Amino acid sequence: MRNLEILLKNKSVNYDRLEEFGFQKKQNEYIYYDDICDEQFQVVIFISEKKNIPKL
């Protein structure tokens, strides 16, 4: 899904809970890594404190 701006419109991030879900804080970003499909792929999610639009 490439058009995440529409999907995430009017949504907000609860930064206080991100680490509970496995995100790691590095500088001004939260980063989540997960291997899927028998480690053939890796999912990486970046959430910035300045802009809440994920990078694809």
PDB file of N, CA and C in Angstrom:
ATOM      1  N   MET A   1       0.857  -1.170   0.000  1.00  0.00           N
ATOM      2  CA  MET A   1       0.000   0.000   0.000  1.00  0.00           C
ATOM      3  C   MET A   1       0.897   1.224   0.000  1.00  0.00           C
ATOM      4  N   ARG A   2       0.900   1.948  -1.094  1.00  0.00           N
ATOM      5  CA  ARG A   2       1.786   3.081  -1.249  1.00  0.00           C
ATOM      6  C   ARG A   2       1.202   4.386  -0.739  1.00  0.00           C
ATOM      7  N   ASN A   3      -0.097   4.514  -0.695  1.00  0.00           N
ATOM      8  CA  ASN A   3      -0.687   5.799  -0.330  1.00  0.00           C
ATOM      9  C   ASN A   3      -1.045   5.819   1.153  1.00  0.00           C
ATOM     10  N   LEU A   4      -0.029   5.779   1.990  1.00  0.00           N
ATOM     11  CA  LEU A   4      -0.245   5.725   3.430  1.00  0.00           C
ATOM     12  C   LEU A   4      -0.720   7.051   4.009  1.00  0.00           C
ATOM     13  N   GLU A   5      -0.467   8.142   3.285  1.00  0.00           N
ATOM     14  CA  GLU A   5      -0.933   9.437   3.793  1.00  0.00           C
ATOM     15  C   GLU A   5      -2.454   9.439   3.950  1.00  0.00           C
ATOM     16  N   ILE A   6      -3.161   8.832   3.016  1.00  0.00           N
ATOM     17  CA  ILE A   6      -4.625   8.765   3.106  1.00  0.00           C
ATOM     18  C   ILE A   6      -5.032   7.808   4.227  1.00  0.00           C
ATOM     19  N   LEU A   7      -4.377   6.654   4.305  1.00  0.00           N
ATOM     20  CA  LEU A   7      -4.703   5.665   5.326  1.00  0.00           C
ATOM     21  C   LEU A   7      -4.458   6.202   6.734  1.00  0.00           C
ATOM     22  N   LEU A   8      -3.389   6.979   6.900  1.00  0.00           N
ATOM     23  CA  LEU A   8      -3.011   7.474   8.222  1.00  0.00           C
ATOM     24  C   LEU A   8      -3.547   8.873   8.533  1.00  0.00           C
ATOM     25  N   LYS A   9      -4.374   9.409   7.662  1.00  0.00           N
ATOM     26  CA  LYS A   9      -4.921  10.746   7.882  1.00  0.00           C
ATOM     27  C   LYS A   9      -5.701  10.773   9.206  1.00  0.00           C
ATOM     28  N   ASN A  10      -5.480  11.820   9.984  1.00  0.00           N
ATOM     29  CA  ASN A  10      -6.132  12.021  11.283  1.00  0.00           C
ATOM     30  C   ASN A  10      -5.742  10.966  12.327  1.00  0.00           C
ATOM     31  N   LYS A  11      -4.634  10.271  12.123  1.00  0.00           N
ATOM     32  CA  LYS A  11      -4.139   9.302  13.094  1.00  0.00           C
ATOM     33  C   LYS A  11      -2.934   9.920  13.803  1.00  0.00           C
ATOM     34  N   SER A  12      -2.659   9.464  15.016  1.00  0.00           N
ATOM     35  CA  SER A  12      -1.490   9.948  15.738  1.00  0.00           C
ATOM     36  C   SER A  12      -0.747   8.766  16.341  1.00  0.00           C
ATOM     37  N   VAL A  13       0.514   8.976  16.650  1.00  0.00           N
ATOM     38  CA  VAL A  13       1.373   7.936  17.209  1.00  0.00           C
ATOM     39  C   VAL A  13       1.513   8.170  18.703  1.00  0.00           C
ATOM     40  N   ASN A  14       1.352   7.113  19.479  1.00  0.00           N
ATOM     41  CA  ASN A  14       1.586   7.190  20.916  1.00  0.00           C
ATOM     42  C   ASN A  14       3.045   6.784  21.147  1.00  0.00           C
ATOM     43  N   TYR A  15       3.934   7.778  21.150  1.00  0.00           N
ATOM     44  CA  TYR A  15       5.370   7.522  21.251  1.00  0.00           C
ATOM     45  C   TYR A  15       5.747   6.816  22.549  1.00  0.00           C
ATOM     46  N   ASP A  16       4.999   7.047  23.603  1.00  0.00           N
ATOM     47  CA  ASP A  16       5.301   6.427  24.890  1.00  0.00           C
ATOM     48  C   ASP A  16       5.161   4.906  24.860  1.00  0.00           C
ATOM     49  N   ARG A  17       4.398   4.377  23.924  1.00  0.00           N
ATOM     50  CA  ARG A  17       4.147   2.931  23.896  1.00  0.00           C
ATOM     51  C   ARG A  17       4.915   2.191  22.805  1.00  0.00           C
ATOM     52  N   LEU A  18       5.625   2.901  21.935  1.00  0.00           N
ATOM     53  CA  LEU A  18       6.293   2.235  20.821  1.00  0.00           C
ATOM     54  C   LEU A  18       7.306   1.184  21.274  1.00  0.00           C
ATOM     55  N   GLU A  19       8.061   1.479  22.323  1.00  0.00           N
ATOM     56  CA  GLU A  19       9.063   0.519  22.781  1.00  0.00           C
ATOM     57  C   GLU A  19       8.421  -0.757  23.324  1.00  0.00           C
ATOM     58  N   GLU A  20       7.204  -0.666  23.834  1.00  0.00           N
ATOM     59  CA  GLU A  20       6.477  -1.863  24.278  1.00  0.00           C
ATOM     60  C   GLU A  20       6.244  -2.835  23.134  1.00  0.00           C
ATOM     61  N   PHE A  21       6.149  -2.309  21.908  1.00  0.00           N
ATOM     62  CA  PHE A  21       5.868  -3.131  20.731  1.00  0.00           C
ATOM     63  C   PHE A  21       7.129  -3.506  19.955  1.00  0.00           C
ATOM     64  N   GLY A  22       8.301  -3.261  20.550  1.00  0.00           N
ATOM     65  CA  GLY A  22       9.544  -3.701  19.929  1.00  0.00           C
ATOM     66  C   GLY A  22      10.303  -2.646  19.157  1.00  0.00           C
ATOM     67  N   PHE A  23       9.832  -1.408  19.146  1.00  0.00           N
ATOM     68  CA  PHE A  23      10.555  -0.336  18.464  1.00  0.00           C
ATOM     69  C   PHE A  23      11.769   0.054  19.297  1.00  0.00           C
ATOM     70  N   GLN A  24      12.834   0.440  18.611  1.00  0.00           N
ATOM     71  CA  GLN A  24      14.041   0.933  19.268  1.00  0.00           C
ATOM     72  C   GLN A  24      14.184   2.413  18.946  1.00  0.00           C
ATOM     73  N   LYS A  25      14.481   3.227  19.956  1.00  0.00           N
ATOM     74  CA  LYS A  25      14.644   4.663  19.721  1.00  0.00           C
ATOM     75  C   LYS A  25      16.091   4.956  19.361  1.00  0.00           C
ATOM     76  N   LYS A  26      16.270   5.618  18.220  1.00  0.00           N
ATOM     77  CA  LYS A  26      17.591   6.050  17.772  1.00  0.00           C
ATOM     78  C   LYS A  26      17.465   7.495  17.307  1.00  0.00           C
ATOM     79  N   GLN A  27      18.081   8.403  18.046  1.00  0.00           N
ATOM     80  CA  GLN A  27      18.009   9.844  17.811  1.00  0.00           C
ATOM     81  C   GLN A  27      16.547  10.287  17.831  1.00  0.00           C
ATOM     82  N   ASN A  28      16.010  10.799  16.737  1.00  0.00           N
ATOM     83  CA  ASN A  28      14.626  11.281  16.697  1.00  0.00           C
ATOM     84  C   ASN A  28      13.687  10.309  15.989  1.00  0.00           C
ATOM     85  N   GLU A  29      14.097   9.039  15.874  1.00  0.00           N
ATOM     86  CA  GLU A  29      13.273   8.048  15.187  1.00  0.00           C
ATOM     87  C   GLU A  29      13.071   6.823  16.063  1.00  0.00           C
ATOM     88  N   TYR A  30      11.984   6.136  15.791  1.00  0.00           N
ATOM     89  CA  TYR A  30      11.749   4.811  16.356  1.00  0.00           C
ATOM     90  C   TYR A  30      11.834   3.835  15.193  1.00  0.00           C
ATOM     91  N   ILE A  31      12.555   2.736  15.389  1.00  0.00           N
ATOM     92  CA  ILE A  31      12.783   1.769  14.314  1.00  0.00           C
ATOM     93  C   ILE A  31      12.364   0.387  14.798  1.00  0.00           C
ATOM     94  N   TYR A  32      11.653  -0.340  13.916  1.00  0.00           N
ATOM     95  CA  TYR A  32      11.217  -1.703  14.216  1.00  0.00           C
ATOM     96  C   TYR A  32      11.720  -2.615  13.102  1.00  0.00           C
ATOM     97  N   TYR A  33      12.341  -3.726  13.483  1.00  0.00           N
ATOM     98  CA  TYR A  33      12.833  -4.723  12.533  1.00  0.00           C
ATOM     99  C   TYR A  33      12.148  -6.049  12.827  1.00  0.00           C
ATOM    100  N   ASP A  34      11.799  -6.789  11.761  1.00  0.00           N
ATOM    101  CA  ASP A  34      11.254  -8.133  11.943  1.00  0.00           C
ATOM    102  C   ASP A  34      11.532  -8.948  10.688  1.00  0.00           C
ATOM    103  N   ASP A  35      12.035 -10.147  10.867  1.00  0.00           N
ATOM    104  CA  ASP A  35      12.242 -11.067   9.752  1.00  0.00           C
ATOM    105  C   ASP A  35      10.957 -11.852   9.520  1.00  0.00           C
ATOM    106  N   ILE A  36      10.588 -12.012   8.253  1.00  0.00           N
ATOM    107  CA  ILE A  36       9.376 -12.752   7.900  1.00  0.00           C
ATOM    108  C   ILE A  36       9.706 -13.776   6.809  1.00  0.00           C
ATOM    109  N   CYS A  37       8.793 -14.691   6.579  1.00  0.00           N
ATOM    110  CA  CYS A  37       8.919 -15.729   5.544  1.00  0.00           C
ATOM    111  C   CYS A  37      10.236 -16.483   5.677  1.00  0.00           C
ATOM    112  N   ASP A  38      10.425 -17.105   6.843  1.00  0.00           N
ATOM    113  CA  ASP A  38      11.643 -17.879   7.104  1.00  0.00           C
ATOM    114  C   ASP A  38      12.900 -17.061   6.860  1.00  0.00           C
ATOM    115  N   GLU A  39      12.873 -15.811   7.309  1.00  0.00           N
ATOM    116  CA  GLU A  39      13.996 -14.877   7.211  1.00  0.00           C
ATOM    117  C   GLU A  39      14.402 -14.534   5.781  1.00  0.00           C
ATOM    118  N   GLN A  40      13.478 -14.714   4.826  1.00  0.00           N
ATOM    119  CA  GLN A  40      13.760 -14.340   3.445  1.00  0.00           C
ATOM    120  C   GLN A  40      13.569 -12.833   3.234  1.00  0.00           C
ATOM    121  N   PHE A  41      12.766 -12.201   4.093  1.00  0.00           N
ATOM    122  CA  PHE A  41      12.489 -10.778   3.999  1.00  0.00           C
ATOM    123  C   PHE A  41      12.619 -10.155   5.377  1.00  0.00           C
ATOM    124  N   GLN A  42      12.931  -8.878   5.389  1.00  0.00           N
ATOM    125  CA  GLN A  42      12.975  -8.147   6.648  1.00  0.00           C
ATOM    126  C   GLN A  42      12.076  -6.922   6.537  1.00  0.00           C
ATOM    127  N   VAL A  43      11.177  -6.782   7.508  1.00  0.00           N
ATOM    128  CA  VAL A  43      10.309  -5.616   7.595  1.00  0.00           C
ATOM    129  C   VAL A  43      11.024  -4.587   8.463  1.00  0.00           C
ATOM    130  N   VAL A  44      11.134  -3.355   7.973  1.00  0.00           N
ATOM    131  CA  VAL A  44      11.746  -2.275   8.732  1.00  0.00           C
ATOM    132  C   VAL A  44      10.771  -1.105   8.706  1.00  0.00           C
ATOM    133  N   ILE A  45      10.373  -0.643   9.898  1.00  0.00           N
ATOM    134  CA  ILE A  45       9.428   0.477  10.012  1.00  0.00           C
ATOM    135  C   ILE A  45      10.128   1.614  10.741  1.00  0.00           C
ATOM    136  N   PHE A  46      10.118   2.792  10.130  1.00  0.00           N
ATOM    137  CA  PHE A  46      10.678   3.994  10.732  1.00  0.00           C
ATOM    138  C   PHE A  46       9.534   4.923  11.106  1.00  0.00           C
ATOM    139  N   ILE A  47       9.542   5.439  12.322  1.00  0.00           N
ATOM    140  CA  ILE A  47       8.572   6.453  12.732  1.00  0.00           C
ATOM    141  C   ILE A  47       9.369   7.614  13.305  1.00  0.00           C
ATOM    142  N   SER A  48       9.216   8.767  12.670  1.00  0.00           N
ATOM    143  CA  SER A  48       9.949   9.958  13.079  1.00  0.00           C
ATOM    144  C   SER A  48       9.102  10.790  14.020  1.00  0.00           C
ATOM    145  N   GLU A  49       9.746  11.402  14.992  1.00  0.00           N
ATOM    146  CA  GLU A  49       9.013  12.290  15.908  1.00  0.00           C
ATOM    147  C   GLU A  49       8.618  13.583  15.205  1.00  0.00           C
ATOM    148  N   LYS A  50       9.280  13.921  14.118  1.00  0.00           N
ATOM    149  CA  LYS A  50       8.984  15.160  13.405  1.00  0.00           C
ATOM    150  C   LYS A  50       7.884  14.979  12.372  1.00  0.00           C
ATOM    151  N   LYS A  51       7.857  13.833  11.702  1.00  0.00           N
ATOM    152  CA  LYS A  51       6.877  13.593  10.654  1.00  0.00           C
ATOM    153  C   LYS A  51       6.392  12.159  10.776  1.00  0.00           C
ATOM    154  N   ASN A  52       5.093  11.955  10.835  1.00  0.00           N
ATOM    155  CA  ASN A  52       4.524  10.626  11.102  1.00  0.00           C
ATOM    156  C   ASN A  52       4.234   9.810   9.844  1.00  0.00           C
ATOM    157  N   ILE A  53       4.838  10.160   8.709  1.00  0.00           N
ATOM    158  CA  ILE A  53       4.599   9.408   7.492  1.00  0.00           C
ATOM    159  C   ILE A  53       5.710   8.375   7.347  1.00  0.00           C
ATOM    160  N   PRO A  54       5.384   7.074   7.321  1.00  0.00           N
ATOM    161  CA  PRO A  54       6.412   6.041   7.204  1.00  0.00           C
ATOM    162  C   PRO A  54       7.164   6.146   5.887  1.00  0.00           C
ATOM    163  N   LYS A  55       8.419   5.695   5.899  1.00  0.00           N
ATOM    164  CA  LYS A  55       9.244   5.649   4.702  1.00  0.00           C
ATOM    165  C   LYS A  55       9.040   4.296   4.037  1.00  0.00           C
ATOM    166  N   LEU A  56       8.838   4.280   2.713  1.00  0.00           N
ATOM    167  CA  LEU A  56       8.692   3.022   1.982  1.00  0.00           C
ATOM    168  C   LEU A  56       9.822   2.858   0.999  1.00  0.00           C
TER     169      LEU A  56
END
